[in-house]
């Protein structure tokens, strides 16, 4: 049986994640409040950020940046920031 959450990103009840996708308190908040659909949206956005900013996820500075962006993506109102000059395909 699927676990349902009131998804903070989508604004409606949807299937929740199977486990916390990220360590620590942020991962627990995501597990409790983010649906699988919204998590997939984040993964696409994160991939775009990594590619556009040419980030290496193993570098601590890049990981901090991505964590900050993840927090903004899920837990702030309004649109997320896009890299300057980004043109979707």
PDB file of N, CA and C in Angstrom:
ATOM      1  N   UNK A   1       0.842  -1.188   0.000  1.00  0.00           N
ATOM      2  CA  UNK A   1       0.000   0.000   0.000  1.00  0.00           C
ATOM      3  C   UNK A   1       0.882   1.244   0.000  1.00  0.00           C
ATOM      4  N   UNK A   2       0.557   2.192  -0.836  1.00  0.00           N
ATOM      5  CA  UNK A   2       1.331   3.413  -0.961  1.00  0.00           C
ATOM      6  C   UNK A   2       1.062   4.356   0.209  1.00  0.00           C
ATOM      7  N   UNK A   3       2.077   5.081   0.562  1.00  0.00           N
ATOM      8  CA  UNK A   3       1.971   6.097   1.605  1.00  0.00           C
ATOM      9  C   UNK A   3       1.593   7.409   0.931  1.00  0.00           C
ATOM     10  N   UNK A   4       0.565   8.068   1.441  1.00  0.00           N
ATOM     11  CA  UNK A   4       0.132   9.340   0.886  1.00  0.00           C
ATOM     12  C   UNK A   4       0.629  10.489   1.750  1.00  0.00           C
ATOM     13  N   UNK A   5       0.975  11.595   1.089  1.00  0.00           N
ATOM     14  CA  UNK A   5       1.366  12.818   1.794  1.00  0.00           C
ATOM     15  C   UNK A   5       0.598  13.984   1.192  1.00  0.00           C
ATOM     16  N   UNK A   6       0.392  15.001   1.990  1.00  0.00           N
ATOM     17  CA  UNK A   6      -0.134  16.261   1.483  1.00  0.00           C
ATOM     18  C   UNK A   6       1.081  16.998   0.928  1.00  0.00           C
ATOM     19  N   UNK A   7       1.265  16.945  -0.386  1.00  0.00           N
ATOM     20  CA  UNK A   7       2.480  17.460  -1.014  1.00  0.00           C
ATOM     21  C   UNK A   7       2.532  18.976  -0.938  1.00  0.00           C
ATOM     22  N   UNK A   8       3.598  19.474  -0.350  1.00  0.00           N
ATOM     23  CA  UNK A   8       3.780  20.913  -0.179  1.00  0.00           C
ATOM     24  C   UNK A   8       4.020  21.607  -1.509  1.00  0.00           C
ATOM     25  N   UNK A   9       4.593  20.916  -2.470  1.00  0.00           N
ATOM     26  CA  UNK A   9       4.888  21.514  -3.775  1.00  0.00           C
ATOM     27  C   UNK A   9       3.668  21.505  -4.690  1.00  0.00           C
ATOM     28  N   UNK A  10       2.945  20.393  -4.714  1.00  0.00           N
ATOM     29  CA  UNK A  10       1.805  20.263  -5.617  1.00  0.00           C
ATOM     30  C   UNK A  10       0.513  20.827  -5.033  1.00  0.00           C
ATOM     31  N   UNK A  11       0.407  20.832  -3.699  1.00  0.00           N
ATOM     32  CA  UNK A  11      -0.784  21.362  -3.057  1.00  0.00           C
ATOM     33  C   UNK A  11      -1.929  20.379  -2.939  1.00  0.00           C
ATOM     34  N   UNK A  12      -1.662  19.102  -3.182  1.00  0.00           N
ATOM     35  CA  UNK A  12      -2.700  18.089  -3.013  1.00  0.00           C
ATOM     36  C   UNK A  12      -2.076  16.788  -2.531  1.00  0.00           C
ATOM     37  N   UNK A  13      -2.937  15.856  -2.114  1.00  0.00           N
ATOM     38  CA  UNK A  13      -2.471  14.582  -1.599  1.00  0.00           C
ATOM     39  C   UNK A  13      -2.001  13.697  -2.756  1.00  0.00           C
ATOM     40  N   UNK A  14      -0.809  13.114  -2.584  1.00  0.00           N
ATOM     41  CA  UNK A  14      -0.240  12.259  -3.624  1.00  0.00           C
ATOM     42  C   UNK A  14       0.654  11.215  -2.971  1.00  0.00           C
ATOM     43  N   UNK A  15       1.083  10.250  -3.771  1.00  0.00           N
ATOM     44  CA  UNK A  15       1.934   9.176  -3.264  1.00  0.00           C
ATOM     45  C   UNK A  15       3.256   9.740  -2.747  1.00  0.00           C
ATOM     46  N   UNK A  16       3.606   9.333  -1.525  1.00  0.00           N
ATOM     47  CA  UNK A  16       4.831   9.802  -0.903  1.00  0.00           C
ATOM     48  C   UNK A  16       6.036   8.961  -1.282  1.00  0.00           C
ATOM     49  N   UNK A  17       7.189   9.455  -0.926  1.00  0.00           N
ATOM     50  CA  UNK A  17       8.441   8.747  -1.174  1.00  0.00           C
ATOM     51  C   UNK A  17       8.532   7.510  -0.295  1.00  0.00           C
ATOM     52  N   UNK A  18       9.311   6.531  -0.730  1.00  0.00           N
ATOM     53  CA  UNK A  18       9.479   5.293   0.026  1.00  0.00           C
ATOM     54  C   UNK A  18      10.435   5.459   1.210  1.00  0.00           C
ATOM     55  N   UNK A  19      11.359   6.409   1.084  1.00  0.00           N
ATOM     56  CA  UNK A  19      12.314   6.673   2.163  1.00  0.00           C
ATOM     57  C   UNK A  19      12.820   8.104   2.018  1.00  0.00           C
ATOM     58  N   UNK A  20      13.488   8.589   3.044  1.00  0.00           N
ATOM     59  CA  UNK A  20      14.046   9.943   2.975  1.00  0.00           C
ATOM     60  C   UNK A  20      15.099   9.986   1.860  1.00  0.00           C
ATOM     61  N   UNK A  21      14.988  10.932   0.936  1.00  0.00           N
ATOM     62  CA  UNK A  21      15.890  10.977  -0.203  1.00  0.00           C
ATOM     63  C   UNK A  21      17.191  11.725   0.060  1.00  0.00           C
ATOM     64  N   UNK A  22      17.303  12.299   1.241  1.00  0.00           N
ATOM     65  CA  UNK A  22      18.456  13.139   1.569  1.00  0.00           C
ATOM     66  C   UNK A  22      18.694  13.000   3.068  1.00  0.00           C
ATOM     67  N   UNK A  23      19.941  13.075   3.508  1.00  0.00           N
ATOM     68  CA  UNK A  23      20.206  12.901   4.940  1.00  0.00           C
ATOM     69  C   UNK A  23      19.753  14.098   5.788  1.00  0.00           C
ATOM     70  N   UNK A  24      19.610  13.857   7.056  1.00  0.00           N
ATOM     71  CA  UNK A  24      19.362  14.918   8.024  1.00  0.00           C
ATOM     72  C   UNK A  24      17.939  15.419   8.071  1.00  0.00           C
ATOM     73  N   UNK A  25      17.808  16.577   8.703  1.00  0.00           N
ATOM     74  CA  UNK A  25      16.502  17.183   8.939  1.00  0.00           C
ATOM     75  C   UNK A  25      15.813  17.549   7.627  1.00  0.00           C
ATOM     76  N   UNK A  26      16.564  18.051   6.639  1.00  0.00           N
ATOM     77  CA  UNK A  26      15.973  18.397   5.350  1.00  0.00           C
ATOM     78  C   UNK A  26      15.388  17.152   4.685  1.00  0.00           C
ATOM     79  N   UNK A  27      16.094  16.056   4.730  1.00  0.00           N
ATOM     80  CA  UNK A  27      15.599  14.810   4.156  1.00  0.00           C
ATOM     81  C   UNK A  27      14.330  14.333   4.824  1.00  0.00           C
ATOM     82  N   UNK A  28      14.244  14.496   6.140  1.00  0.00           N
ATOM     83  CA  UNK A  28      13.041  14.095   6.866  1.00  0.00           C
ATOM     84  C   UNK A  28      11.849  14.990   6.513  1.00  0.00           C
ATOM     85  N   UNK A  29      12.096  16.282   6.346  1.00  0.00           N
ATOM     86  CA  UNK A  29      11.023  17.202   5.933  1.00  0.00           C
ATOM     87  C   UNK A  29      10.512  16.837   4.541  1.00  0.00           C
ATOM     88  N   UNK A  30      11.440  16.518   3.644  1.00  0.00           N
ATOM     89  CA  UNK A  30      11.056  16.127   2.292  1.00  0.00           C
ATOM     90  C   UNK A  30      10.246  14.836   2.334  1.00  0.00           C
ATOM     91  N   UNK A  31      10.707  13.856   3.093  1.00  0.00           N
ATOM     92  CA  UNK A  31      10.001  12.585   3.213  1.00  0.00           C
ATOM     93  C   UNK A  31       8.577  12.793   3.713  1.00  0.00           C
ATOM     94  N   UNK A  32       8.394  13.687   4.669  1.00  0.00           N
ATOM     95  CA  UNK A  32       7.089  13.911   5.289  1.00  0.00           C
ATOM     96  C   UNK A  32       6.148  14.757   4.428  1.00  0.00           C
ATOM     97  N   UNK A  33       6.700  15.616   3.547  1.00  0.00           N
ATOM     98  CA  UNK A  33       5.856  16.617   2.895  1.00  0.00           C
ATOM     99  C   UNK A  33       5.935  16.661   1.370  1.00  0.00           C
ATOM    100  N   UNK A  34       6.734  15.789   0.756  1.00  0.00           N
ATOM    101  CA  UNK A  34       6.935  15.872  -0.691  1.00  0.00           C
ATOM    102  C   UNK A  34       6.521  14.553  -1.350  1.00  0.00           C
ATOM    103  N   UNK A  35       5.810  14.660  -2.458  1.00  0.00           N
ATOM    104  CA  UNK A  35       5.355  13.474  -3.196  1.00  0.00           C
ATOM    105  C   UNK A  35       6.444  12.984  -4.156  1.00  0.00           C
ATOM    106  N   UNK A  36       6.221  11.781  -4.655  1.00  0.00           N
ATOM    107  CA  UNK A  36       7.138  11.230  -5.658  1.00  0.00           C
ATOM    108  C   UNK A  36       7.166  12.097  -6.915  1.00  0.00           C
ATOM    109  N   UNK A  37       6.009  12.617  -7.300  1.00  0.00           N
ATOM    110  CA  UNK A  37       5.940  13.470  -8.488  1.00  0.00           C
ATOM    111  C   UNK A  37       6.791  14.721  -8.306  1.00  0.00           C
ATOM    112  N   UNK A  38       6.636  15.376  -7.164  1.00  0.00           N
ATOM    113  CA  UNK A  38       7.401  16.601  -6.903  1.00  0.00           C
ATOM    114  C   UNK A  38       8.891  16.294  -6.789  1.00  0.00           C
ATOM    115  N   UNK A  39       9.243  15.136  -6.235  1.00  0.00           N
ATOM    116  CA  UNK A  39      10.658  14.772  -6.135  1.00  0.00           C
ATOM    117  C   UNK A  39      11.247  14.599  -7.541  1.00  0.00           C
ATOM    118  N   UNK A  40      10.505  13.998  -8.447  1.00  0.00           N
ATOM    119  CA  UNK A  40      10.987  13.851  -9.831  1.00  0.00           C
ATOM    120  C   UNK A  40      11.157  15.220 -10.488  1.00  0.00           C
ATOM    121  N   UNK A  41      10.243  16.167 -10.184  1.00  0.00           N
ATOM    122  CA  UNK A  41      10.391  17.537 -10.689  1.00  0.00           C
ATOM    123  C   UNK A  41      11.696  18.147 -10.186  1.00  0.00           C
ATOM    124  N   UNK A  42      12.017  17.915  -8.898  1.00  0.00           N
ATOM    125  CA  UNK A  42      13.259  18.423  -8.337  1.00  0.00           C
ATOM    126  C   UNK A  42      14.467  17.802  -9.037  1.00  0.00           C
ATOM    127  N   UNK A  43      14.434  16.508  -9.277  1.00  0.00           N
ATOM    128  CA  UNK A  43      15.577  15.857  -9.919  1.00  0.00           C
ATOM    129  C   UNK A  43      15.840  16.449 -11.300  1.00  0.00           C
ATOM    130  N   UNK A  44      14.797  16.760 -12.047  1.00  0.00           N
ATOM    131  CA  UNK A  44      14.978  17.410 -13.360  1.00  0.00           C
ATOM    132  C   UNK A  44      15.566  18.815 -13.178  1.00  0.00           C
ATOM    133  N   UNK A  45      15.053  19.543 -12.188  1.00  0.00           N
ATOM    134  CA  UNK A  45      15.564  20.900 -11.931  1.00  0.00           C
ATOM    135  C   UNK A  45      17.027  20.844 -11.478  1.00  0.00           C
ATOM    136  N   UNK A  46      17.339  19.899 -10.608  1.00  0.00           N
ATOM    137  CA  UNK A  46      18.713  19.750 -10.125  1.00  0.00           C
ATOM    138  C   UNK A  46      19.662  19.423 -11.284  1.00  0.00           C
ATOM    139  N   UNK A  47      19.241  18.561 -12.180  1.00  0.00           N
ATOM    140  CA  UNK A  47      20.062  18.216 -13.344  1.00  0.00           C
ATOM    141  C   UNK A  47      20.334  19.450 -14.192  1.00  0.00           C
ATOM    142  N   UNK A  48      19.302  20.284 -14.387  1.00  0.00           N
ATOM    143  CA  UNK A  48      19.473  21.524 -15.134  1.00  0.00           C
ATOM    144  C   UNK A  48      20.479  22.439 -14.435  1.00  0.00           C
ATOM    145  N   UNK A  49      20.379  22.571 -13.098  1.00  0.00           N
ATOM    146  CA  UNK A  49      21.319  23.411 -12.358  1.00  0.00           C
ATOM    147  C   UNK A  49      22.747  22.887 -12.496  1.00  0.00           C
ATOM    148  N   UNK A  50      22.925  21.585 -12.353  1.00  0.00           N
ATOM    149  CA  UNK A  50      24.252  20.981 -12.467  1.00  0.00           C
ATOM    150  C   UNK A  50      24.838  21.255 -13.852  1.00  0.00           C
ATOM    151  N   UNK A  51      24.025  21.075 -14.883  1.00  0.00           N
ATOM    152  CA  UNK A  51      24.513  21.280 -16.249  1.00  0.00           C
ATOM    153  C   UNK A  51      24.780  22.747 -16.560  1.00  0.00           C
ATOM    154  N   UNK A  52      23.846  23.623 -16.215  1.00  0.00           N
ATOM    155  CA  UNK A  52      23.980  25.040 -16.552  1.00  0.00           C
ATOM    156  C   UNK A  52      25.121  25.715 -15.789  1.00  0.00           C
ATOM    157  N   UNK A  53      25.288  25.353 -14.525  1.00  0.00           N
ATOM    158  CA  UNK A  53      26.345  25.954 -13.711  1.00  0.00           C
ATOM    159  C   UNK A  53      27.630  25.130 -13.724  1.00  0.00           C
ATOM    160  N   UNK A  54      27.598  24.006 -14.442  1.00  0.00           N
ATOM    161  CA  UNK A  54      28.755  23.113 -14.542  1.00  0.00           C
ATOM    162  C   UNK A  54      29.269  22.715 -13.158  1.00  0.00           C
ATOM    163  N   UNK A  55      28.342  22.220 -12.348  1.00  0.00           N
ATOM    164  CA  UNK A  55      28.664  21.844 -10.968  1.00  0.00           C
ATOM    165  C   UNK A  55      29.178  20.413 -10.904  1.00  0.00           C
ATOM    166  N   UNK A  56      30.027  20.168  -9.939  1.00  0.00           N
ATOM    167  CA  UNK A  56      30.470  18.820  -9.615  1.00  0.00           C
ATOM    168  C   UNK A  56      29.865  18.485  -8.253  1.00  0.00           C
ATOM    169  N   UNK A  57      28.882  17.588  -8.209  1.00  0.00           N
ATOM    170  CA  UNK A  57      28.194  17.285  -6.947  1.00  0.00           C
ATOM    171  C   UNK A  57      29.099  16.737  -5.843  1.00  0.00           C
ATOM    172  N   UNK A  58      30.311  16.359  -6.162  1.00  0.00           N
ATOM    173  CA  UNK A  58      31.212  15.870  -5.110  1.00  0.00           C
ATOM    174  C   UNK A  58      31.938  17.011  -4.394  1.00  0.00           C
ATOM    175  N   UNK A  59      31.888  18.220  -4.967  1.00  0.00           N
ATOM    176  CA  UNK A  59      32.523  19.374  -4.328  1.00  0.00           C
ATOM    177  C   UNK A  59      31.608  19.926  -3.238  1.00  0.00           C
ATOM    178  N   UNK A  60      32.149  20.176  -2.056  1.00  0.00           N
ATOM    179  CA  UNK A  60      31.325  20.680  -0.941  1.00  0.00           C
ATOM    180  C   UNK A  60      30.561  21.966  -1.273  1.00  0.00           C
ATOM    181  N   UNK A  61      31.195  22.896  -1.983  1.00  0.00           N
ATOM    182  CA  UNK A  61      30.531  24.155  -2.326  1.00  0.00           C
ATOM    183  C   UNK A  61      29.316  23.901  -3.230  1.00  0.00           C
ATOM    184  N   UNK A  62      29.459  23.006  -4.194  1.00  0.00           N
ATOM    185  CA  UNK A  62      28.351  22.674  -5.093  1.00  0.00           C
ATOM    186  C   UNK A  62      27.237  21.968  -4.327  1.00  0.00           C
ATOM    187  N   UNK A  63      27.600  21.087  -3.412  1.00  0.00           N
ATOM    188  CA  UNK A  63      26.593  20.381  -2.619  1.00  0.00           C
ATOM    189  C   UNK A  63      25.806  21.341  -1.746  1.00  0.00           C
ATOM    190  N   UNK A  64      26.487  22.330  -1.143  1.00  0.00           N
ATOM    191  CA  UNK A  64      25.781  23.333  -0.336  1.00  0.00           C
ATOM    192  C   UNK A  64      24.814  24.135  -1.197  1.00  0.00           C
ATOM    193  N   UNK A  65      25.276  24.527  -2.385  1.00  0.00           N
ATOM    194  CA  UNK A  65      24.423  25.276  -3.308  1.00  0.00           C
ATOM    195  C   UNK A  65      23.183  24.459  -3.672  1.00  0.00           C
ATOM    196  N   UNK A  66      23.366  23.187  -4.020  1.00  0.00           N
ATOM    197  CA  UNK A  66      22.234  22.347  -4.403  1.00  0.00           C
ATOM    198  C   UNK A  66      21.286  22.126  -3.232  1.00  0.00           C
ATOM    199  N   UNK A  67      21.825  21.999  -2.024  1.00  0.00           N
ATOM    200  CA  UNK A  67      20.967  21.853  -0.844  1.00  0.00           C
ATOM    201  C   UNK A  67      20.137  23.110  -0.617  1.00  0.00           C
ATOM    202  N   UNK A  68      20.756  24.281  -0.775  1.00  0.00           N
ATOM    203  CA  UNK A  68      20.018  25.541  -0.641  1.00  0.00           C
ATOM    204  C   UNK A  68      18.913  25.639  -1.690  1.00  0.00           C
ATOM    205  N   UNK A  69      19.227  25.241  -2.917  1.00  0.00           N
ATOM    206  CA  UNK A  69      18.241  25.286  -3.989  1.00  0.00           C
ATOM    207  C   UNK A  69      17.103  24.300  -3.741  1.00  0.00           C
ATOM    208  N   UNK A  70      17.430  23.133  -3.173  1.00  0.00           N
ATOM    209  CA  UNK A  70      16.416  22.140  -2.843  1.00  0.00           C
ATOM    210  C   UNK A  70      15.457  22.699  -1.797  1.00  0.00           C
ATOM    211  N   UNK A  71      16.010  23.338  -0.796  1.00  0.00           N
ATOM    212  CA  UNK A  71      15.186  23.953   0.251  1.00  0.00           C
ATOM    213  C   UNK A  71      14.257  25.001  -0.365  1.00  0.00           C
ATOM    214  N   UNK A  72      14.784  25.851  -1.236  1.00  0.00           N
ATOM    215  CA  UNK A  72      13.967  26.872  -1.894  1.00  0.00           C
ATOM    216  C   UNK A  72      12.898  26.237  -2.780  1.00  0.00           C
ATOM    217  N   UNK A  73      13.275  25.213  -3.521  1.00  0.00           N
ATOM    218  CA  UNK A  73      12.369  24.548  -4.456  1.00  0.00           C
ATOM    219  C   UNK A  73      11.124  24.020  -3.748  1.00  0.00           C
ATOM    220  N   UNK A  74      11.322  23.408  -2.583  1.00  0.00           N
ATOM    221  CA  UNK A  74      10.201  22.787  -1.882  1.00  0.00           C
ATOM    222  C   UNK A  74       9.531  23.673  -0.840  1.00  0.00           C
ATOM    223  N   UNK A  75      10.265  24.525  -0.178  1.00  0.00           N
ATOM    224  CA  UNK A  75       9.731  25.153   1.028  1.00  0.00           C
ATOM    225  C   UNK A  75       9.642  26.672   0.995  1.00  0.00           C
ATOM    226  N   UNK A  76       9.697  27.283  -0.194  1.00  0.00           N
ATOM    227  CA  UNK A  76       9.452  28.721  -0.289  1.00  0.00           C
ATOM    228  C   UNK A  76       8.373  28.960  -1.337  1.00  0.00           C
ATOM    229  N   UNK A  77       7.674  30.050  -1.194  1.00  0.00           N
ATOM    230  CA  UNK A  77       6.635  30.408  -2.165  1.00  0.00           C
ATOM    231  C   UNK A  77       7.279  31.079  -3.370  1.00  0.00           C
ATOM    232  N   UNK A  78       6.577  31.010  -4.462  1.00  0.00           N
ATOM    233  CA  UNK A  78       7.028  31.690  -5.666  1.00  0.00           C
ATOM    234  C   UNK A  78       7.882  30.803  -6.548  1.00  0.00           C
ATOM    235  N   UNK A  79       8.215  31.328  -7.718  1.00  0.00           N
ATOM    236  CA  UNK A  79       8.989  30.544  -8.680  1.00  0.00           C
ATOM    237  C   UNK A  79      10.450  30.389  -8.245  1.00  0.00           C
ATOM    238  N   UNK A  80      11.040  29.298  -8.684  1.00  0.00           N
ATOM    239  CA  UNK A  80      12.460  29.082  -8.399  1.00  0.00           C
ATOM    240  C   UNK A  80      13.275  29.865  -9.408  1.00  0.00           C
ATOM    241  N   UNK A  81      14.482  30.217  -9.019  1.00  0.00           N
ATOM    242  CA  UNK A  81      15.348  30.976  -9.905  1.00  0.00           C
ATOM    243  C   UNK A  81      15.963  30.061 -10.950  1.00  0.00           C
ATOM    244  N   UNK A  82      16.059  30.584 -12.158  1.00  0.00           N
ATOM    245  CA  UNK A  82      16.677  29.857 -13.247  1.00  0.00           C
ATOM    246  C   UNK A  82      18.014  30.518 -13.560  1.00  0.00           C
ATOM    247  N   UNK A  83      18.987  29.742 -14.023  1.00  0.00           N
ATOM    248  CA  UNK A  83      20.284  30.333 -14.385  1.00  0.00           C
ATOM    249  C   UNK A  83      20.113  31.389 -15.465  1.00  0.00           C
ATOM    250  N   UNK A  84      20.920  32.453 -15.401  1.00  0.00           N
ATOM    251  CA  UNK A  84      20.856  33.508 -16.391  1.00  0.00           C
ATOM    252  C   UNK A  84      21.115  32.942 -17.780  1.00  0.00           C
ATOM    253  N   UNK A  85      20.294  33.330 -18.726  1.00  0.00           N
ATOM    254  CA  UNK A  85      20.458  32.884 -20.099  1.00  0.00           C
ATOM    255  C   UNK A  85      19.941  31.494 -20.377  1.00  0.00           C
ATOM    256  N   UNK A  86      19.307  30.836 -19.383  1.00  0.00           N
ATOM    257  CA  UNK A  86      18.806  29.471 -19.598  1.00  0.00           C
ATOM    258  C   UNK A  86      17.683  29.487 -20.613  1.00  0.00           C
ATOM    259  N   UNK A  87      17.783  28.617 -21.603  1.00  0.00           N
ATOM    260  CA  UNK A  87      16.752  28.453 -22.616  1.00  0.00           C
ATOM    261  C   UNK A  87      16.275  27.003 -22.621  1.00  0.00           C
ATOM    262  N   UNK A  88      15.057  26.718 -22.151  1.00  0.00           N
ATOM    263  CA  UNK A  88      14.584  25.332 -22.188  1.00  0.00           C
ATOM    264  C   UNK A  88      14.493  24.841 -23.625  1.00  0.00           C
ATOM    265  N   UNK A  89      14.697  23.532 -23.798  1.00  0.00           N
ATOM    266  CA  UNK A  89      14.660  22.947 -25.148  1.00  0.00           C
ATOM    267  C   UNK A  89      13.243  22.769 -25.606  1.00  0.00           C
TER     268      UNK A  89
END
